[in-house]
Amino acid sequence: MVEHPLIQKYIEHNAYGRLLSMDFQLIEPGICHYFCNVSPELAATPLAAHGGFVSSILDATLGVGALSLVYSENKVVSTLEMKISFLQPVTLNTSVKCISRCLKRGNSIIFMEAELVNSQNELLATGSGTFKSYDAQKAGY
């Protein structure tokens, strides 16, 4: 885990991530892995998680991947747009991993993509997003 003060503050203030019991690891700039056990509290049906959970973990992974490209400049990111493709149900009581990567970074706009897989490495969903980087003070950091 990166020991940068801005990343530590993000972790400290990310109540939504804690609510969903999601955790992440920064692999390298632009690449983030998010992990979660799909608990029954995330259910939409007796067998599968709600699409809002899938959207949340994809957005989190894309966002932290983008953040990892700019935190050393004392910047944070905000989602401008996001697209999700739901490919298979996310089964309850399983573990999932979401992996981001940067497609292109401009001066203030970052294009990211991510994949959500289960423990058998089956592709469950994909996402892409556009992020705006800006000074961390504007976000209260």
Protein backbone atom coordinates (compact mmCIF):
# COMPACT_ATOMS: atom_id res chain seq x y z
CA MET A 1 0.00 0.00 0.00
CA VAL A 2 1.18 3.50 -0.80
CA GLU A 3 2.12 5.49 2.30
CA HIS A 4 1.30 8.90 0.84
CA PRO A 5 -0.70 11.25 3.13
CA LEU A 6 -3.33 11.92 0.45
CA ILE A 7 -3.97 8.19 -0.07
CA GLN A 8 -4.19 7.71 3.70
CA LYS A 9 -6.73 10.56 3.93
CA TYR A 10 -8.74 9.02 1.09
CA ILE A 11 -8.87 5.71 2.98
CA GLU A 12 -9.79 7.48 6.21
CA HIS A 13 -12.67 9.43 4.62
CA ASN A 14 -14.02 6.72 2.28
CA ALA A 15 -17.03 5.73 4.41
CA TYR A 16 -18.88 4.34 1.38
CA GLY A 17 -16.07 1.88 0.64
CA ARG A 18 -16.15 0.71 4.26
CA LEU A 19 -19.95 0.36 4.11
CA LEU A 20 -19.56 -2.04 1.17
CA SER A 21 -16.50 -3.74 2.79
CA MET A 22 -14.33 -2.97 -0.22
CA ASP A 23 -10.55 -2.75 0.03
CA PHE A 24 -7.91 -1.84 -2.55
CA GLN A 25 -4.25 -2.19 -3.40
CA LEU A 26 -2.31 0.16 -5.65
CA ILE A 27 -0.09 -1.90 -7.92
CA GLU A 28 1.54 0.91 -9.90
CA PRO A 29 0.40 4.29 -11.23
CA GLY A 30 -2.90 3.75 -13.03
CA ILE A 31 -3.34 0.16 -11.87
CA CYS A 32 -5.54 -0.52 -8.86
CA HIS A 33 -7.01 -3.78 -7.58
CA TYR A 34 -10.20 -3.59 -5.53
CA PHE A 35 -11.41 -6.60 -3.54
CA CYS A 36 -14.73 -7.49 -1.96
CA ASN A 37 -16.62 -10.45 -0.59
CA VAL A 38 -20.12 -10.31 -2.05
CA SER A 39 -22.25 -10.53 1.08
CA PRO A 40 -26.03 -11.10 1.19
CA GLU A 41 -26.44 -7.41 2.14
CA LEU A 42 -25.52 -6.58 -1.49
CA ALA A 43 -28.31 -8.76 -2.93
CA ALA A 44 -30.79 -7.77 -5.61
CA THR A 45 -32.07 -11.32 -6.06
CA PRO A 46 -31.72 -14.50 -3.98
CA LEU A 47 -28.53 -15.36 -5.91
CA ALA A 48 -26.97 -12.15 -7.24
CA ALA A 49 -25.68 -8.75 -6.17
CA HIS A 50 -27.37 -5.50 -7.11
CA GLY A 51 -26.09 -3.62 -10.15
CA GLY A 52 -25.44 -0.65 -7.87
CA PHE A 53 -22.74 -2.68 -6.12
CA VAL A 54 -21.17 -3.58 -9.47
CA SER A 55 -21.26 0.10 -10.46
CA SER A 56 -19.75 1.10 -7.13
CA ILE A 57 -16.78 -1.25 -7.25
CA LEU A 58 -16.06 -0.35 -10.87
CA ASP A 59 -16.24 3.40 -10.10
CA ALA A 60 -14.02 2.94 -7.04
CA THR A 61 -11.43 0.98 -8.99
CA LEU A 62 -11.42 3.38 -11.91
CA GLY A 63 -11.25 6.36 -9.55
CA VAL A 64 -8.44 5.10 -7.34
CA GLY A 65 -6.53 4.05 -10.45
CA ALA A 66 -6.86 7.62 -11.73
CA LEU A 67 -6.02 9.03 -8.28
CA SER A 68 -2.82 6.99 -8.27
CA LEU A 69 -1.65 8.99 -11.28
CA VAL A 70 -2.06 12.42 -9.63
CA TYR A 71 -1.84 12.14 -5.82
CA SER A 72 1.89 12.97 -5.84
CA GLU A 73 0.91 16.35 -7.39
CA ASN A 74 -1.51 16.92 -4.46
CA LYS A 75 -4.47 16.34 -6.78
CA VAL A 76 -7.57 14.21 -6.50
CA VAL A 77 -10.06 13.11 -9.17
CA SER A 78 -13.76 13.26 -9.81
CA THR A 79 -15.78 11.02 -12.13
CA LEU A 80 -17.03 12.92 -15.19
CA GLU A 81 -18.67 9.96 -16.92
CA MET A 82 -18.76 6.19 -16.66
CA LYS A 83 -20.01 3.29 -18.80
CA ILE A 84 -20.68 -0.21 -17.47
CA SER A 85 -21.26 -3.49 -19.28
CA PHE A 86 -22.87 -6.16 -17.08
CA LEU A 87 -21.74 -9.50 -18.56
CA GLN A 88 -22.69 -12.09 -15.91
CA PRO A 89 -24.42 -12.05 -12.53
CA VAL A 90 -22.20 -11.33 -9.55
CA THR A 91 -23.05 -14.27 -7.31
CA LEU A 92 -23.59 -13.78 -3.59
CA ASN A 93 -21.13 -15.28 -1.09
CA THR A 94 -18.21 -15.12 -3.55
CA SER A 95 -15.10 -12.98 -3.76
CA VAL A 96 -14.54 -10.53 -6.59
CA LYS A 97 -11.60 -8.47 -7.80
CA CYS A 98 -11.72 -5.38 -9.97
CA ILE A 99 -8.65 -4.25 -11.91
CA SER A 100 -8.10 -0.81 -13.47
CA ARG A 101 -5.71 0.51 -16.05
CA CYS A 102 -5.12 3.91 -17.59
CA LEU A 103 -5.92 4.30 -21.27
CA LYS A 104 -4.71 7.90 -21.58
CA ARG A 105 -3.75 10.74 -19.30
CA GLY A 106 -3.96 14.36 -20.38
CA ASN A 107 -3.23 17.55 -18.41
CA SER A 108 -6.39 17.26 -16.32
CA ILE A 109 -8.49 14.51 -17.96
CA ILE A 110 -7.78 10.81 -17.39
CA PHE A 111 -9.36 7.93 -19.31
CA MET A 112 -9.56 4.63 -17.41
CA GLU A 113 -10.97 1.14 -17.89
CA ALA A 114 -11.58 -1.74 -15.47
CA GLU A 115 -12.66 -5.36 -15.36
CA LEU A 116 -14.53 -7.17 -12.58
CA VAL A 117 -13.74 -10.88 -12.20
CA ASN A 118 -14.71 -13.63 -9.78
CA SER A 119 -12.36 -16.04 -8.01
CA GLN A 120 -12.40 -18.31 -11.10
CA ASN A 121 -11.19 -15.30 -13.13
CA GLU A 122 -14.47 -15.18 -15.09
CA LEU A 123 -15.24 -11.75 -16.49
CA LEU A 124 -18.40 -10.39 -14.81
CA ALA A 125 -18.47 -6.74 -15.87
CA THR A 126 -16.37 -4.05 -17.50
CA GLY A 127 -16.32 -0.32 -17.07
CA SER A 128 -14.71 2.74 -18.52
CA GLY A 129 -14.61 6.22 -17.12
CA THR A 130 -13.38 9.72 -17.64
CA PHE A 131 -11.94 11.57 -14.65
CA LYS A 132 -11.03 15.19 -13.97
CA SER A 133 -8.02 15.87 -11.76
CA TYR A 134 -7.97 18.96 -9.55
CA ASP A 135 -6.30 20.38 -6.45
CA ALA A 136 -6.98 18.27 -3.35
CA GLN A 137 -7.87 21.35 -1.27
CA LYS A 138 -11.04 21.79 -3.37
CA ALA A 139 -12.18 18.37 -2.10
CA GLY A 140 -11.44 19.25 1.52
CA TYR A 141 -8.07 17.48 1.81
